[in-house]
């Protein structure tokens, strides 16, 4: 049995959320993206539902995503709520990333598994992507703009009525060394019952 806890523990502790405005222009090879997605499929899943589904935007397709996010925000934001900074990020972030993965959940029509457990399985799949990306020297950012949970995004991504979009995962190489993280000590988050 393979036992290399230091490697996985270091990758977990090194994983960082880095926004696309801090990515270099270096493209991520398709073979690497495929490996990240392969890591995703090994996430835990109740009843072997494997509810994860991904729509990958690379190359010129990133502009299609940017255009969709741009148009949706303009059409669905009241003038007094319009935020120019948020609007600019929605239309430029997909181009700043080498790859954007739409994170989706596809429900089996006859499943008895509660929806929250399928959502959790997809989240685990995304964590696998992020950890694998870290191992490749990449960084990622899971974004959930307002459009994420709408019917319009389901149509754009080709999802069925019972499916969901759970956000967009941006991937790229960092422009600079990623800062060390900081977390609350585990002793403050755990109660031992013995």
N, C-alpha and C. Protein backbone atom coordinates (compact mmCIF):
# COMPACT_ATOMS: atom_id res chain seq x y z
N UNK A 1 0.84 -1.19 0.00
CA UNK A 1 0.00 0.00 0.00
C UNK A 1 0.88 1.26 0.00
N UNK A 2 0.56 2.18 -0.87
CA UNK A 2 1.32 3.42 -0.97
C UNK A 2 1.08 4.28 0.27
N UNK A 3 2.15 4.66 0.94
CA UNK A 3 2.01 5.50 2.13
C UNK A 3 3.01 6.63 2.05
N UNK A 4 2.55 7.78 1.63
CA UNK A 4 3.39 8.97 1.55
C UNK A 4 2.62 10.16 2.11
N UNK A 5 2.31 10.10 3.42
CA UNK A 5 1.47 11.16 4.00
C UNK A 5 2.07 12.54 3.92
N UNK A 6 3.40 12.65 3.96
CA UNK A 6 4.02 13.98 3.91
C UNK A 6 3.72 14.68 2.60
N UNK A 7 3.73 13.94 1.49
CA UNK A 7 3.47 14.55 0.19
C UNK A 7 2.05 15.13 0.14
N UNK A 8 1.06 14.32 0.47
CA UNK A 8 -0.33 14.81 0.39
C UNK A 8 -0.58 15.91 1.43
N UNK A 9 0.00 15.77 2.63
CA UNK A 9 -0.19 16.80 3.65
C UNK A 9 0.41 18.13 3.21
N UNK A 10 1.57 18.09 2.54
CA UNK A 10 2.19 19.32 2.04
C UNK A 10 1.35 19.95 0.93
N UNK A 11 0.80 19.13 0.04
CA UNK A 11 -0.03 19.66 -1.04
C UNK A 11 -1.29 20.30 -0.47
N UNK A 12 -1.92 19.64 0.50
CA UNK A 12 -3.12 20.20 1.13
C UNK A 12 -2.81 21.55 1.78
N UNK A 13 -1.70 21.62 2.50
CA UNK A 13 -1.34 22.87 3.19
C UNK A 13 -0.90 23.96 2.22
N UNK A 14 -0.42 23.58 1.02
CA UNK A 14 0.04 24.55 0.02
C UNK A 14 -1.08 25.08 -0.87
N UNK A 15 -2.21 24.38 -0.91
CA UNK A 15 -3.32 24.78 -1.79
C UNK A 15 -3.80 26.19 -1.42
N UNK A 16 -3.96 27.01 -2.44
CA UNK A 16 -4.40 28.39 -2.21
C UNK A 16 -5.43 28.80 -3.26
N UNK A 17 -6.31 29.66 -2.85
CA UNK A 17 -7.22 30.30 -3.78
C UNK A 17 -6.52 31.56 -4.29
N UNK A 18 -6.33 31.61 -5.60
CA UNK A 18 -5.70 32.77 -6.24
C UNK A 18 -6.60 33.20 -7.39
N UNK A 19 -6.97 34.46 -7.41
CA UNK A 19 -7.88 34.98 -8.44
C UNK A 19 -7.16 35.17 -9.77
N UNK A 20 -7.90 35.08 -10.88
CA UNK A 20 -7.29 35.13 -12.22
C UNK A 20 -6.47 36.37 -12.52
N UNK A 21 -6.76 37.48 -11.87
CA UNK A 21 -5.95 38.67 -12.14
C UNK A 21 -4.51 38.51 -11.68
N UNK A 22 -4.23 37.41 -10.96
CA UNK A 22 -2.87 37.10 -10.51
C UNK A 22 -2.28 35.89 -11.23
N UNK A 23 -2.81 35.58 -12.43
CA UNK A 23 -2.30 34.47 -13.24
C UNK A 23 -1.37 35.01 -14.32
N UNK A 24 -0.38 34.20 -14.68
CA UNK A 24 0.48 34.55 -15.80
C UNK A 24 -0.25 34.18 -17.10
N UNK A 25 0.33 34.55 -18.21
CA UNK A 25 -0.28 34.21 -19.51
C UNK A 25 0.13 32.81 -19.99
N UNK A 26 0.94 32.12 -19.21
CA UNK A 26 1.39 30.77 -19.60
C UNK A 26 0.20 29.83 -19.68
N UNK A 27 -0.01 29.18 -20.83
CA UNK A 27 -1.14 28.26 -20.95
C UNK A 27 -0.90 26.96 -20.19
N UNK A 28 -1.99 26.37 -19.73
CA UNK A 28 -1.95 25.06 -19.09
C UNK A 28 -2.21 24.03 -20.18
N UNK A 29 -1.34 23.06 -20.30
CA UNK A 29 -1.48 22.04 -21.34
C UNK A 29 -2.75 21.23 -21.15
N UNK A 30 -3.38 20.86 -22.26
CA UNK A 30 -4.60 20.07 -22.21
C UNK A 30 -4.40 18.78 -21.42
N UNK A 31 -3.23 18.16 -21.57
CA UNK A 31 -2.96 16.91 -20.86
C UNK A 31 -3.02 17.12 -19.34
N UNK A 32 -2.59 18.28 -18.87
CA UNK A 32 -2.64 18.58 -17.44
C UNK A 32 -4.10 18.77 -17.01
N UNK A 33 -4.88 19.48 -17.81
CA UNK A 33 -6.29 19.67 -17.48
C UNK A 33 -7.00 18.33 -17.40
N UNK A 34 -6.69 17.44 -18.32
CA UNK A 34 -7.29 16.09 -18.30
C UNK A 34 -6.90 15.38 -17.01
N UNK A 35 -5.66 15.51 -16.56
CA UNK A 35 -5.23 14.88 -15.31
C UNK A 35 -6.00 15.45 -14.12
N UNK A 36 -6.24 16.76 -14.12
CA UNK A 36 -7.01 17.38 -13.04
C UNK A 36 -8.42 16.80 -13.01
N UNK A 37 -9.01 16.65 -14.19
CA UNK A 37 -10.37 16.10 -14.27
C UNK A 37 -10.38 14.62 -13.89
N UNK A 38 -9.32 13.90 -14.20
CA UNK A 38 -9.21 12.50 -13.76
C UNK A 38 -9.19 12.44 -12.23
N UNK A 39 -8.50 13.38 -11.61
CA UNK A 39 -8.48 13.42 -10.14
C UNK A 39 -9.88 13.65 -9.59
N UNK A 40 -10.66 14.47 -10.28
CA UNK A 40 -12.02 14.77 -9.83
C UNK A 40 -12.89 13.53 -9.76
N UNK A 41 -12.73 12.63 -10.70
CA UNK A 41 -13.63 11.47 -10.75
C UNK A 41 -13.39 10.47 -9.64
N UNK A 42 -12.32 10.67 -8.85
CA UNK A 42 -12.04 9.79 -7.72
C UNK A 42 -12.58 10.35 -6.41
N UNK A 43 -13.41 11.35 -6.48
CA UNK A 43 -14.03 11.91 -5.27
C UNK A 43 -15.02 10.90 -4.68
N UNK A 44 -15.26 10.99 -3.38
CA UNK A 44 -16.27 10.12 -2.77
C UNK A 44 -17.65 10.45 -3.31
N UNK A 45 -18.49 9.43 -3.43
CA UNK A 45 -19.83 9.62 -3.98
C UNK A 45 -20.78 8.59 -3.39
N UNK A 46 -21.84 9.05 -2.78
CA UNK A 46 -22.83 8.16 -2.17
C UNK A 46 -23.60 7.42 -3.26
N UNK A 47 -23.72 6.12 -3.13
CA UNK A 47 -24.48 5.33 -4.08
C UNK A 47 -23.85 5.29 -5.47
N UNK A 48 -22.59 5.63 -5.57
CA UNK A 48 -21.90 5.70 -6.86
C UNK A 48 -22.65 6.58 -7.86
N UNK A 49 -23.27 7.64 -7.37
CA UNK A 49 -23.99 8.57 -8.25
C UNK A 49 -23.06 9.31 -9.20
N UNK A 50 -21.83 9.58 -8.76
CA UNK A 50 -20.88 10.35 -9.56
C UNK A 50 -21.56 11.54 -10.24
N UNK A 51 -22.09 12.47 -9.45
CA UNK A 51 -22.91 13.55 -10.01
C UNK A 51 -22.14 14.68 -10.67
N UNK A 52 -20.82 14.65 -10.61
CA UNK A 52 -20.03 15.74 -11.18
C UNK A 52 -20.10 15.73 -12.70
N UNK A 53 -20.11 16.92 -13.25
CA UNK A 53 -20.11 17.12 -14.70
C UNK A 53 -19.39 18.44 -14.93
N UNK A 54 -18.50 18.47 -15.89
CA UNK A 54 -17.68 19.67 -16.11
C UNK A 54 -17.76 20.13 -17.55
N UNK A 55 -17.86 21.44 -17.73
CA UNK A 55 -17.80 22.05 -19.06
C UNK A 55 -16.53 22.90 -19.04
N UNK A 56 -15.59 22.56 -19.91
CA UNK A 56 -14.26 23.17 -19.89
C UNK A 56 -14.14 24.22 -20.99
N UNK A 57 -13.75 25.42 -20.59
CA UNK A 57 -13.54 26.53 -21.53
C UNK A 57 -12.05 26.83 -21.62
N UNK A 58 -11.50 26.66 -22.82
CA UNK A 58 -10.10 27.00 -23.07
C UNK A 58 -10.04 27.80 -24.37
N UNK A 59 -8.88 28.34 -24.67
CA UNK A 59 -8.70 29.05 -25.93
C UNK A 59 -9.76 30.11 -26.16
N UNK A 60 -10.28 30.16 -27.39
CA UNK A 60 -11.28 31.16 -27.76
C UNK A 60 -12.61 30.98 -27.04
N UNK A 61 -12.88 29.77 -26.55
CA UNK A 61 -14.15 29.52 -25.85
C UNK A 61 -14.25 30.32 -24.55
N UNK A 62 -13.12 30.73 -24.01
CA UNK A 62 -13.15 31.57 -22.81
C UNK A 62 -13.87 32.88 -23.08
N UNK A 63 -13.75 33.39 -24.32
CA UNK A 63 -14.44 34.62 -24.68
C UNK A 63 -15.95 34.40 -24.72
N UNK A 64 -16.39 33.23 -25.16
CA UNK A 64 -17.83 32.91 -25.15
C UNK A 64 -18.38 32.97 -23.73
N UNK A 65 -17.62 32.41 -22.78
CA UNK A 65 -18.04 32.47 -21.38
C UNK A 65 -18.06 33.91 -20.89
N UNK A 66 -17.03 34.66 -21.19
CA UNK A 66 -16.96 36.07 -20.78
C UNK A 66 -18.14 36.85 -21.34
N UNK A 67 -18.48 36.62 -22.61
CA UNK A 67 -19.60 37.31 -23.24
C UNK A 67 -20.92 36.95 -22.55
N UNK A 68 -21.08 35.68 -22.22
CA UNK A 68 -22.30 35.25 -21.54
C UNK A 68 -22.42 35.92 -20.17
N UNK A 69 -21.34 35.90 -19.39
CA UNK A 69 -21.37 36.51 -18.05
C UNK A 69 -21.64 38.01 -18.14
N UNK A 70 -21.01 38.66 -19.11
CA UNK A 70 -21.17 40.09 -19.35
C UNK A 70 -22.65 40.41 -19.66
N UNK A 71 -23.19 39.73 -20.65
CA UNK A 71 -24.57 40.01 -21.08
C UNK A 71 -25.58 39.70 -19.99
N UNK A 72 -25.37 38.62 -19.26
CA UNK A 72 -26.32 38.27 -18.20
C UNK A 72 -26.31 39.34 -17.12
N UNK A 73 -25.13 39.80 -16.72
CA UNK A 73 -25.05 40.81 -15.67
C UNK A 73 -25.74 42.10 -16.09
N UNK A 74 -25.51 42.54 -17.31
CA UNK A 74 -26.13 43.78 -17.80
C UNK A 74 -27.65 43.63 -17.83
N UNK A 75 -28.14 42.49 -18.31
CA UNK A 75 -29.58 42.27 -18.44
C UNK A 75 -30.29 42.04 -17.11
N UNK A 76 -29.57 41.61 -16.09
CA UNK A 76 -30.22 41.20 -14.84
C UNK A 76 -29.82 42.01 -13.62
N UNK A 77 -29.18 43.14 -13.83
CA UNK A 77 -28.76 43.98 -12.70
C UNK A 77 -29.45 45.33 -12.81
N UNK A 78 -30.16 45.69 -11.75
CA UNK A 78 -30.83 46.99 -11.71
C UNK A 78 -29.78 48.10 -11.74
N UNK A 79 -30.12 49.23 -12.38
CA UNK A 79 -29.14 50.33 -12.51
C UNK A 79 -28.54 50.77 -11.17
N UNK A 80 -29.34 50.81 -10.11
CA UNK A 80 -28.81 51.26 -8.82
C UNK A 80 -27.96 50.19 -8.12
N UNK A 81 -27.99 48.98 -8.64
CA UNK A 81 -27.18 47.88 -8.07
C UNK A 81 -25.98 47.55 -8.95
N UNK A 82 -25.89 48.19 -10.11
CA UNK A 82 -24.81 47.89 -11.05
C UNK A 82 -23.47 48.28 -10.45
N UNK A 83 -22.53 47.31 -10.45
CA UNK A 83 -21.20 47.52 -9.88
C UNK A 83 -20.18 47.40 -11.01
N UNK A 84 -19.57 48.51 -11.39
CA UNK A 84 -18.63 48.52 -12.52
C UNK A 84 -17.44 47.59 -12.30
N UNK A 85 -16.95 47.52 -11.08
CA UNK A 85 -15.82 46.64 -10.77
C UNK A 85 -16.20 45.18 -10.97
N UNK A 86 -17.34 44.78 -10.43
CA UNK A 86 -17.81 43.40 -10.58
C UNK A 86 -18.05 43.08 -12.06
N UNK A 87 -18.64 44.02 -12.78
CA UNK A 87 -18.91 43.84 -14.21
C UNK A 87 -17.61 43.63 -14.99
N UNK A 88 -16.60 44.45 -14.69
CA UNK A 88 -15.30 44.33 -15.37
C UNK A 88 -14.67 42.97 -15.10
N UNK A 89 -14.75 42.49 -13.86
CA UNK A 89 -14.17 41.18 -13.52
C UNK A 89 -14.89 40.04 -14.22
N UNK A 90 -16.21 40.12 -14.29
CA UNK A 90 -16.98 39.07 -14.96
C UNK A 90 -16.58 38.93 -16.43
N UNK A 91 -16.33 40.05 -17.08
CA UNK A 91 -16.02 40.00 -18.52
C UNK A 91 -14.54 39.81 -18.83
N UNK A 92 -13.66 39.94 -17.81
CA UNK A 92 -12.23 39.77 -18.09
C UNK A 92 -11.61 38.54 -17.45
N UNK A 93 -12.15 38.07 -16.34
CA UNK A 93 -11.52 36.94 -15.65
C UNK A 93 -11.43 35.67 -16.51
N UNK A 94 -12.45 35.33 -17.29
CA UNK A 94 -12.30 34.11 -18.11
C UNK A 94 -11.11 34.18 -19.06
N UNK A 95 -10.78 35.39 -19.54
CA UNK A 95 -9.66 35.55 -20.47
C UNK A 95 -8.33 35.52 -19.72
N UNK A 96 -8.33 35.94 -18.47
CA UNK A 96 -7.11 35.94 -17.66
C UNK A 96 -6.67 34.53 -17.28
N UNK A 97 -7.62 33.61 -17.19
CA UNK A 97 -7.31 32.23 -16.81
C UNK A 97 -6.96 31.41 -18.06
N UNK A 98 -6.11 30.45 -17.88
CA UNK A 98 -5.79 29.55 -19.00
C UNK A 98 -6.97 28.65 -19.30
N UNK A 99 -7.74 28.36 -18.26
CA UNK A 99 -8.84 27.42 -18.38
C UNK A 99 -9.89 27.78 -17.34
N UNK A 100 -11.17 27.67 -17.72
CA UNK A 100 -12.26 27.84 -16.76
C UNK A 100 -13.13 26.59 -16.87
N UNK A 101 -13.40 25.98 -15.73
CA UNK A 101 -14.23 24.79 -15.69
C UNK A 101 -15.55 25.14 -15.02
N UNK A 102 -16.65 24.99 -15.76
CA UNK A 102 -17.97 25.15 -15.15
C UNK A 102 -18.23 23.91 -14.32
N UNK A 103 -18.49 24.11 -13.04
CA UNK A 103 -18.71 23.03 -12.10
C UNK A 103 -20.20 22.73 -12.09
N UNK A 104 -20.56 21.52 -12.50
CA UNK A 104 -21.97 21.17 -12.61
C UNK A 104 -22.27 19.89 -11.84
N UNK A 105 -23.54 19.76 -11.47
CA UNK A 105 -24.04 18.55 -10.83
C UNK A 105 -25.18 18.01 -11.68
N UNK A 106 -25.04 16.78 -12.11
CA UNK A 106 -26.10 16.11 -12.86
C UNK A 106 -26.70 15.04 -11.96
N UNK A 107 -27.99 15.18 -11.66
CA UNK A 107 -28.70 14.23 -10.81
C UNK A 107 -29.21 13.06 -11.63
N UNK A 108 -29.10 11.86 -11.07
CA UNK A 108 -29.72 10.70 -11.70
C UNK A 108 -31.21 10.81 -11.46
N UNK A 109 -32.03 10.58 -12.49
CA UNK A 109 -33.47 10.80 -12.34
C UNK A 109 -34.12 9.92 -11.27
N UNK A 110 -33.61 8.73 -11.06
CA UNK A 110 -34.25 7.80 -10.12
C UNK A 110 -33.50 7.68 -8.80
N UNK A 111 -32.59 8.59 -8.51
CA UNK A 111 -31.77 8.46 -7.30
C UNK A 111 -32.57 8.70 -6.03
N UNK A 112 -32.20 7.98 -5.00
CA UNK A 112 -32.79 8.19 -3.68
C UNK A 112 -31.83 8.96 -2.78
N UNK A 113 -30.68 9.30 -3.33
CA UNK A 113 -29.67 10.04 -2.58
C UNK A 113 -30.13 11.48 -2.43
N UNK A 114 -30.09 12.04 -1.21
CA UNK A 114 -30.47 13.45 -1.04
C UNK A 114 -29.58 14.37 -1.89
N UNK A 115 -30.17 15.43 -2.40
CA UNK A 115 -29.44 16.35 -3.27
C UNK A 115 -28.19 16.90 -2.60
N UNK A 116 -28.28 17.20 -1.30
CA UNK A 116 -27.13 17.77 -0.61
C UNK A 116 -25.92 16.84 -0.67
N UNK A 117 -26.15 15.54 -0.72
CA UNK A 117 -25.04 14.60 -0.79
C UNK A 117 -24.39 14.60 -2.17
N UNK A 118 -25.18 14.83 -3.20
CA UNK A 118 -24.60 14.98 -4.54
C UNK A 118 -23.83 16.29 -4.65
N UNK A 119 -24.35 17.34 -4.03
CA UNK A 119 -23.64 18.62 -4.01
C UNK A 119 -22.30 18.46 -3.29
N UNK A 120 -22.32 17.74 -2.17
CA UNK A 120 -21.08 17.50 -1.42
C UNK A 120 -20.08 16.69 -2.25
N UNK A 121 -20.58 15.73 -3.00
CA UNK A 121 -19.70 14.92 -3.85
C UNK A 121 -19.03 15.79 -4.91
N UNK A 122 -19.79 16.71 -5.50
CA UNK A 122 -19.21 17.62 -6.51
C UNK A 122 -18.17 18.51 -5.84
N UNK A 123 -18.45 18.99 -4.64
CA UNK A 123 -17.48 19.83 -3.93
C UNK A 123 -16.19 19.04 -3.66
N UNK A 124 -16.33 17.76 -3.31
CA UNK A 124 -15.14 16.92 -3.11
C UNK A 124 -14.37 16.78 -4.43
N UNK A 125 -15.08 16.65 -5.53
CA UNK A 125 -14.42 16.54 -6.84
C UNK A 125 -13.63 17.81 -7.15
N UNK A 126 -14.20 18.96 -6.80
CA UNK A 126 -13.51 20.23 -7.03
C UNK A 126 -12.27 20.32 -6.14
N UNK A 127 -12.39 19.86 -4.90
CA UNK A 127 -11.22 19.85 -4.02
C UNK A 127 -10.11 18.98 -4.63
N UNK A 128 -10.48 17.84 -5.20
CA UNK A 128 -9.48 16.99 -5.86
C UNK A 128 -8.81 17.73 -7.02
N UNK A 129 -9.61 18.47 -7.80
CA UNK A 129 -9.05 19.26 -8.90
C UNK A 129 -8.05 20.27 -8.34
N UNK A 130 -8.45 20.97 -7.28
CA UNK A 130 -7.60 22.02 -6.73
C UNK A 130 -6.31 21.45 -6.15
N UNK A 131 -6.41 20.31 -5.47
CA UNK A 131 -5.20 19.69 -4.91
C UNK A 131 -4.27 19.20 -6.03
N UNK A 132 -4.86 18.60 -7.04
CA UNK A 132 -4.07 18.13 -8.17
C UNK A 132 -3.41 19.32 -8.89
N UNK A 133 -4.16 20.40 -9.04
CA UNK A 133 -3.61 21.62 -9.65
C UNK A 133 -2.41 22.12 -8.84
N UNK A 134 -2.54 22.09 -7.54
CA UNK A 134 -1.44 22.53 -6.66
C UNK A 134 -0.20 21.68 -6.91
N UNK A 135 -0.38 20.37 -7.05
CA UNK A 135 0.74 19.46 -7.30
C UNK A 135 1.44 19.79 -8.62
N UNK A 136 0.69 20.34 -9.58
CA UNK A 136 1.26 20.73 -10.88
C UNK A 136 1.81 22.15 -10.89
N UNK A 137 1.78 22.83 -9.75
CA UNK A 137 2.28 24.19 -9.68
C UNK A 137 1.27 25.22 -10.15
N UNK A 138 0.00 24.82 -10.24
CA UNK A 138 -1.07 25.71 -10.68
C UNK A 138 -1.82 26.26 -9.47
N UNK A 139 -2.62 27.29 -9.72
CA UNK A 139 -3.51 27.83 -8.70
C UNK A 139 -4.92 27.85 -9.26
N UNK A 140 -5.90 27.98 -8.36
CA UNK A 140 -7.28 27.98 -8.79
C UNK A 140 -8.15 28.92 -7.98
N UNK A 141 -9.34 29.14 -8.51
CA UNK A 141 -10.31 30.04 -7.87
C UNK A 141 -11.71 29.56 -8.21
N UNK A 142 -12.49 29.20 -7.19
CA UNK A 142 -13.87 28.76 -7.36
C UNK A 142 -14.76 29.98 -7.17
N UNK A 143 -15.40 30.40 -8.24
CA UNK A 143 -16.24 31.60 -8.25
C UNK A 143 -17.70 31.23 -8.40
N UNK A 144 -18.56 31.94 -7.67
CA UNK A 144 -20.01 31.71 -7.78
C UNK A 144 -20.73 33.05 -7.99
N UNK A 145 -20.60 33.64 -9.18
CA UNK A 145 -21.32 34.88 -9.45
C UNK A 145 -22.83 34.63 -9.43
N UNK A 146 -23.61 35.69 -9.39
CA UNK A 146 -25.07 35.58 -9.26
C UNK A 146 -25.70 34.70 -10.34
N UNK A 147 -25.13 34.65 -11.50
CA UNK A 147 -25.68 33.86 -12.60
C UNK A 147 -25.62 32.35 -12.32
N UNK A 148 -24.76 31.94 -11.39
CA UNK A 148 -24.47 30.53 -11.15
C UNK A 148 -25.71 29.66 -10.99
N UNK A 149 -26.67 30.12 -10.24
CA UNK A 149 -27.82 29.28 -9.88
C UNK A 149 -29.07 29.57 -10.71
N UNK A 150 -28.89 30.13 -11.90
CA UNK A 150 -30.03 30.54 -12.72
C UNK A 150 -30.34 29.51 -13.82
N UNK A 151 -31.56 29.63 -14.34
CA UNK A 151 -31.95 28.79 -15.48
C UNK A 151 -31.15 29.17 -16.73
N UNK A 152 -30.79 30.45 -16.84
CA UNK A 152 -30.03 30.89 -18.02
C UNK A 152 -28.68 30.18 -18.12
N UNK A 153 -28.02 29.99 -16.97
CA UNK A 153 -26.73 29.31 -17.02
C UNK A 153 -26.92 27.82 -17.33
N UNK A 154 -28.04 27.25 -16.88
CA UNK A 154 -28.32 25.84 -17.23
C UNK A 154 -28.44 25.69 -18.74
N UNK A 155 -29.14 26.62 -19.37
CA UNK A 155 -29.30 26.57 -20.83
C UNK A 155 -27.95 26.75 -21.50
N UNK A 156 -27.18 27.74 -21.05
CA UNK A 156 -25.86 28.01 -21.63
C UNK A 156 -24.95 26.79 -21.55
N UNK A 157 -25.03 26.06 -20.43
CA UNK A 157 -24.14 24.91 -20.21
C UNK A 157 -24.74 23.58 -20.68
N UNK A 158 -25.98 23.62 -21.18
CA UNK A 158 -26.62 22.40 -21.67
C UNK A 158 -27.07 21.47 -20.57
N UNK A 159 -27.49 22.03 -19.44
CA UNK A 159 -27.93 21.23 -18.31
C UNK A 159 -29.43 21.01 -18.32
N UNK A 160 -29.86 19.92 -17.71
CA UNK A 160 -31.29 19.59 -17.60
C UNK A 160 -31.89 20.31 -16.39
N UNK A 161 -33.21 20.21 -16.27
CA UNK A 161 -33.94 20.93 -15.23
C UNK A 161 -33.45 20.58 -13.82
N UNK A 162 -33.18 19.31 -13.55
CA UNK A 162 -32.77 18.89 -12.21
C UNK A 162 -31.27 19.02 -11.96
N UNK A 163 -30.53 19.45 -12.96
CA UNK A 163 -29.09 19.65 -12.81
C UNK A 163 -28.84 21.04 -12.22
N UNK A 164 -27.62 21.25 -11.79
CA UNK A 164 -27.25 22.56 -11.23
C UNK A 164 -25.85 22.95 -11.68
N UNK A 165 -25.66 24.24 -11.83
CA UNK A 165 -24.32 24.80 -11.93
C UNK A 165 -23.95 25.20 -10.50
N UNK A 166 -22.73 24.86 -10.08
CA UNK A 166 -22.27 25.19 -8.74
C UNK A 166 -21.13 26.19 -8.76
N UNK A 167 -20.86 26.76 -9.93
CA UNK A 167 -19.83 27.78 -10.02
C UNK A 167 -18.86 27.54 -11.15
N UNK A 168 -17.80 28.33 -11.14
CA UNK A 168 -16.78 28.29 -12.18
C UNK A 168 -15.41 28.21 -11.51
N UNK A 169 -14.60 27.26 -11.96
CA UNK A 169 -13.27 27.08 -11.39
C UNK A 169 -12.22 27.56 -12.39
N UNK A 170 -11.52 28.62 -12.02
CA UNK A 170 -10.50 29.24 -12.86
C UNK A 170 -9.14 28.61 -12.53
N UNK A 171 -8.35 28.32 -13.56
CA UNK A 171 -7.05 27.68 -13.37
C UNK A 171 -5.97 28.43 -14.15
N UNK A 172 -4.81 28.56 -13.53
CA UNK A 172 -3.68 29.18 -14.22
C UNK A 172 -2.41 29.04 -13.42
N UNK A 173 -1.33 29.55 -14.00
CA UNK A 173 -0.05 29.60 -13.29
C UNK A 173 0.04 30.94 -12.58
N UNK A 174 0.51 30.96 -11.35
CA UNK A 174 0.60 32.24 -10.63
C UNK A 174 1.72 33.12 -11.19
N UNK A 175 1.53 34.44 -11.14
CA UNK A 175 2.57 35.36 -11.60
C UNK A 175 3.69 35.48 -10.58
N UNK A 176 3.38 35.19 -9.32
CA UNK A 176 4.41 35.26 -8.28
C UNK A 176 4.20 34.12 -7.29
N UNK A 177 5.17 33.93 -6.44
CA UNK A 177 5.09 32.86 -5.46
C UNK A 177 3.86 33.08 -4.57
N UNK A 178 3.16 31.99 -4.34
CA UNK A 178 1.93 32.06 -3.54
C UNK A 178 2.29 32.17 -2.07
N UNK A 179 1.61 33.08 -1.37
CA UNK A 179 1.88 33.30 0.05
C UNK A 179 1.46 32.09 0.88
N UNK A 180 2.12 31.92 2.01
CA UNK A 180 1.75 30.86 2.94
C UNK A 180 0.37 31.16 3.51
N UNK A 181 -0.35 30.10 3.80
CA UNK A 181 -1.69 30.26 4.35
C UNK A 181 -1.69 30.34 5.86
N UNK A 182 -2.85 30.61 6.39
CA UNK A 182 -3.03 30.71 7.82
C UNK A 182 -4.39 30.13 8.18
N UNK A 183 -4.45 29.27 9.15
CA UNK A 183 -5.69 28.68 9.60
C UNK A 183 -5.75 28.70 11.13
N UNK A 184 -6.96 28.67 11.64
CA UNK A 184 -7.19 28.56 13.08
C UNK A 184 -6.64 27.22 13.56
N UNK A 185 -5.99 27.19 14.71
CA UNK A 185 -5.48 25.91 15.23
C UNK A 185 -6.61 24.88 15.35
N UNK A 186 -6.29 23.64 15.00
CA UNK A 186 -7.30 22.58 15.00
C UNK A 186 -7.91 22.37 16.38
N UNK A 187 -7.16 22.67 17.42
CA UNK A 187 -7.68 22.50 18.78
C UNK A 187 -8.92 23.36 19.03
N UNK A 188 -9.04 24.46 18.28
CA UNK A 188 -10.20 25.34 18.44
C UNK A 188 -11.39 24.87 17.61
N UNK A 189 -11.22 23.84 16.81
CA UNK A 189 -12.28 23.37 15.91
C UNK A 189 -12.74 21.95 16.21
N UNK A 190 -12.16 21.32 17.23
CA UNK A 190 -12.46 19.92 17.50
C UNK A 190 -12.86 19.72 18.96
N UNK A 191 -13.87 18.89 19.15
CA UNK A 191 -14.23 18.44 20.49
C UNK A 191 -14.05 16.92 20.50
N UNK A 192 -13.25 16.42 21.40
CA UNK A 192 -13.01 14.98 21.52
C UNK A 192 -14.01 14.40 22.50
N UNK A 193 -14.70 13.38 22.11
CA UNK A 193 -15.62 12.66 22.99
C UNK A 193 -15.02 11.29 23.24
N UNK A 194 -14.56 11.05 24.46
CA UNK A 194 -13.90 9.77 24.76
C UNK A 194 -14.60 9.02 25.88
